[in-house]
């Protein structure tokens, strides 16, 4: 899948960071994030103490790592800051949890609502304490869809919020295992099994 927009990298990267935290029982380091960006097909154009810059065909990613956090800024190669997103993973000692959030990188220019629930992982049990609707994107003749697994869908359904687009916060119209959002233009597809 080609990654056209920052959100198309942000959501699968946030999901992967959550998986790395759960498996490793710690924040991933910069090298682990760099490896994940390589798997998404990004080329390294700069690696320097605590900073990595990766380039894809339509997206540029800048990763900053530290002991207490890891941040990846995702920019459209067109330079539109209003589309830029930031994926941030950190340990919140007050909440006693690891958090992975997707935020607008430029809050002053961002006009929409990114309806993205953060990944919250208990720092003792490493169990998921939130219900983020994260997956990867696929494109077919019907459009571009956020593909989620059955387990993610069931958690989302328990929250009674399947009518709200997990990408922009707009309204979803369901047709079988697919939903369409009139506001952001993306769809959601549930793949079970």
Protein backbone atom coordinates (compact mmCIF):
# COMPACT_ATOMS: atom_id res chain seq x y z
CA UNK A 1 0.00 0.00 0.00
CA UNK A 2 1.23 3.43 -0.89
CA UNK A 3 1.13 5.86 2.00
CA UNK A 4 -0.33 9.07 0.57
CA UNK A 5 -1.19 11.01 3.72
CA UNK A 6 0.41 11.31 7.18
CA UNK A 7 -2.56 9.56 8.82
CA UNK A 8 -1.86 6.49 6.66
CA UNK A 9 1.50 6.07 8.43
CA UNK A 10 0.50 7.44 11.85
CA UNK A 11 -2.19 4.87 12.61
CA UNK A 12 -0.23 1.69 11.79
CA UNK A 13 2.89 3.13 13.45
CA UNK A 14 0.94 3.91 16.66
CA UNK A 15 -0.43 0.38 16.65
CA UNK A 16 3.06 -1.08 16.19
CA UNK A 17 4.50 1.08 19.00
CA UNK A 18 1.76 -0.22 21.30
CA UNK A 19 2.65 -3.79 20.32
CA UNK A 20 6.37 -3.11 20.95
CA UNK A 21 5.62 -1.66 24.41
CA UNK A 22 3.45 -4.65 25.34
CA UNK A 23 5.99 -7.21 24.08
CA UNK A 24 9.13 -5.48 25.39
CA UNK A 25 7.58 -4.12 28.61
CA UNK A 26 9.30 -0.81 27.94
CA UNK A 27 9.34 2.07 25.48
CA UNK A 28 10.86 1.12 22.14
CA UNK A 29 14.16 2.78 21.34
CA UNK A 30 15.00 4.81 18.26
CA UNK A 31 16.49 1.82 16.45
CA UNK A 32 13.27 -0.15 16.79
CA UNK A 33 11.24 2.73 15.35
CA UNK A 34 13.75 3.15 12.51
CA UNK A 35 13.37 -0.56 11.72
CA UNK A 36 9.57 -0.21 11.63
CA UNK A 37 9.83 2.74 9.24
CA UNK A 38 12.04 0.62 6.99
CA UNK A 39 9.32 -2.06 6.99
CA UNK A 40 6.86 0.59 5.82
CA UNK A 41 9.17 1.20 2.86
CA UNK A 42 10.85 4.41 4.01
CA UNK A 43 14.41 5.31 3.03
CA UNK A 44 16.79 6.80 5.59
CA UNK A 45 18.15 10.15 4.51
CA UNK A 46 19.70 11.22 7.82
CA UNK A 47 20.70 9.48 11.03
CA UNK A 48 22.24 11.61 13.76
CA UNK A 49 22.35 11.48 17.56
CA UNK A 50 18.70 11.03 18.56
CA UNK A 51 17.30 12.09 15.15
CA UNK A 52 16.36 10.07 12.10
CA UNK A 53 14.80 11.38 8.91
CA UNK A 54 13.04 9.00 6.55
CA UNK A 55 11.55 9.65 3.14
CA UNK A 56 8.76 7.88 1.36
CA UNK A 57 7.24 8.83 -1.96
CA UNK A 58 4.57 11.09 -0.44
CA UNK A 59 5.61 11.39 3.21
CA UNK A 60 8.62 12.48 5.27
CA UNK A 61 9.07 11.17 8.84
CA UNK A 62 11.33 12.70 11.52
CA UNK A 63 11.95 10.58 14.61
CA UNK A 64 13.32 12.01 17.85
CA UNK A 65 14.18 9.61 20.64
CA UNK A 66 15.02 10.12 24.28
CA UNK A 67 15.00 8.09 27.48
CA UNK A 68 11.45 9.09 28.42
CA UNK A 69 9.81 9.45 25.01
CA UNK A 70 9.90 8.72 21.31
CA UNK A 71 8.32 11.13 18.82
CA UNK A 72 7.80 10.74 15.08
CA UNK A 73 6.61 13.78 13.15
CA UNK A 74 4.96 12.80 9.88
CA UNK A 75 4.77 15.42 7.14
CA UNK A 76 3.31 15.38 3.68
CA UNK A 77 6.06 15.80 1.09
CA UNK A 78 3.99 18.70 -0.30
CA UNK A 79 4.85 20.62 2.86
CA UNK A 80 1.22 21.07 3.98
CA UNK A 81 1.65 21.55 7.74
CA UNK A 82 -2.11 21.31 8.28
CA UNK A 83 -1.87 17.59 7.40
CA UNK A 84 1.16 16.89 9.61
CA UNK A 85 0.76 14.49 12.53
CA UNK A 86 2.89 13.52 15.47
CA UNK A 87 3.04 10.02 16.94
CA UNK A 88 4.28 10.27 20.51
CA UNK A 89 5.05 7.38 22.89
CA UNK A 90 5.97 8.03 26.51
CA UNK A 91 5.68 6.70 30.05
CA UNK A 92 3.23 8.71 32.17
CA UNK A 93 4.22 8.11 35.79
CA UNK A 94 1.16 9.89 37.16
CA UNK A 95 -1.22 7.64 35.20
CA UNK A 96 1.10 4.64 35.69
CA UNK A 97 0.79 3.84 32.02
CA UNK A 98 2.55 3.93 28.69
CA UNK A 99 0.78 6.22 26.24
CA UNK A 100 0.92 6.32 22.44
CA UNK A 101 -0.87 9.34 20.98
CA UNK A 102 -1.48 10.73 17.51
CA UNK A 103 -1.71 14.51 17.56
CA UNK A 104 -1.78 17.28 14.98
CA UNK A 105 1.83 18.48 14.64
CA UNK A 106 0.64 22.02 13.97
CA UNK A 107 -2.38 22.64 16.20
CA UNK A 108 -2.73 26.24 15.01
CA UNK A 109 -3.45 25.29 11.41
CA UNK A 110 -5.21 21.96 11.93
CA UNK A 111 -8.89 22.47 11.13
CA UNK A 112 -10.32 18.99 11.58
CA UNK A 113 -10.88 16.61 14.45
CA UNK A 114 -8.70 13.54 14.48
CA UNK A 115 -10.94 11.18 16.39
CA UNK A 116 -8.03 9.00 17.46
CA UNK A 117 -8.14 7.45 20.91
CA UNK A 118 -4.67 7.00 22.42
CA UNK A 119 -3.15 3.64 23.20
CA UNK A 120 -2.96 3.35 27.00
CA UNK A 121 -1.05 0.39 28.43
CA UNK A 122 -0.87 -0.31 32.17
CA UNK A 123 2.80 -0.07 33.25
CA UNK A 124 2.55 -3.04 35.62
CA UNK A 125 0.34 -5.57 33.82
CA UNK A 126 1.03 -4.32 30.27
CA UNK A 127 -2.64 -4.77 29.44
CA UNK A 128 -4.42 -2.39 27.08
CA UNK A 129 -6.55 0.08 29.09
CA UNK A 130 -8.06 1.97 26.15
CA UNK A 131 -9.91 1.01 22.99
CA UNK A 132 -8.04 2.61 20.09
CA UNK A 133 -9.28 1.75 16.62
CA UNK A 134 -5.96 1.28 14.83
CA UNK A 135 -4.98 -0.77 11.81
CA UNK A 136 -3.38 -0.33 8.41
CA UNK A 137 -4.66 1.14 5.16
CA UNK A 138 -5.53 -0.68 1.96
CA UNK A 139 -6.83 0.68 -1.31
CA UNK A 140 -9.23 -0.94 -3.76
CA UNK A 141 -11.89 0.17 -6.24
CA UNK A 142 -14.16 1.19 -3.35
CA UNK A 143 -11.65 3.65 -1.88
CA UNK A 144 -9.02 3.70 0.84
CA UNK A 145 -9.90 1.76 3.98
CA UNK A 146 -8.53 1.53 7.49
CA UNK A 147 -8.37 -2.25 7.91
CA UNK A 148 -8.97 -3.44 11.47
CA UNK A 149 -9.10 -6.95 12.88
CA UNK A 150 -12.11 -8.57 14.52
CA UNK A 151 -10.72 -8.14 18.04
CA UNK A 152 -10.30 -4.39 17.53
CA UNK A 153 -13.82 -4.17 16.11
CA UNK A 154 -15.32 -6.05 19.08
CA UNK A 155 -13.59 -3.70 21.58
CA UNK A 156 -14.84 -0.72 19.55
CA UNK A 157 -18.37 -2.17 19.41
CA UNK A 158 -18.41 -2.59 23.23
CA UNK A 159 -17.87 1.18 23.49
CA UNK A 160 -21.03 1.67 21.36
CA UNK A 161 -19.16 4.09 19.14
CA UNK A 162 -19.02 2.30 15.76
CA UNK A 163 -20.99 5.14 14.17
CA UNK A 164 -18.09 7.57 14.69
CA UNK A 165 -15.17 7.62 12.27
CA UNK A 166 -11.97 6.70 14.16
CA UNK A 167 -9.94 8.90 11.80
CA UNK A 168 -11.78 12.24 11.79
CA UNK A 169 -14.66 11.91 14.26
CA UNK A 170 -17.29 12.17 11.50
CA UNK A 171 -20.28 9.87 10.95
CA UNK A 172 -19.86 6.39 9.51
CA UNK A 173 -22.35 4.57 7.30
CA UNK A 174 -21.97 0.77 7.51
CA UNK A 175 -22.59 -1.68 4.65
CA UNK A 176 -21.73 -5.16 5.88
CA UNK A 177 -18.13 -5.27 7.08
CA UNK A 178 -17.30 -1.86 5.58
CA UNK A 179 -18.10 1.65 6.70
CA UNK A 180 -17.75 4.89 4.79
CA UNK A 181 -17.10 8.36 6.19
CA UNK A 182 -18.55 11.26 4.21
CA UNK A 183 -16.37 13.79 5.98
CA UNK A 184 -12.79 12.51 5.57
CA UNK A 185 -13.37 10.15 2.64
CA UNK A 186 -11.70 7.15 4.25
CA UNK A 187 -13.50 3.92 5.00
CA UNK A 188 -13.18 1.28 7.70
CA UNK A 189 -13.09 -2.41 6.88
CA UNK A 190 -13.30 -5.25 9.40
CA UNK A 191 -11.27 -8.34 8.49
CA UNK A 192 -11.92 -11.31 10.74
CA UNK A 193 -9.74 -14.35 11.18
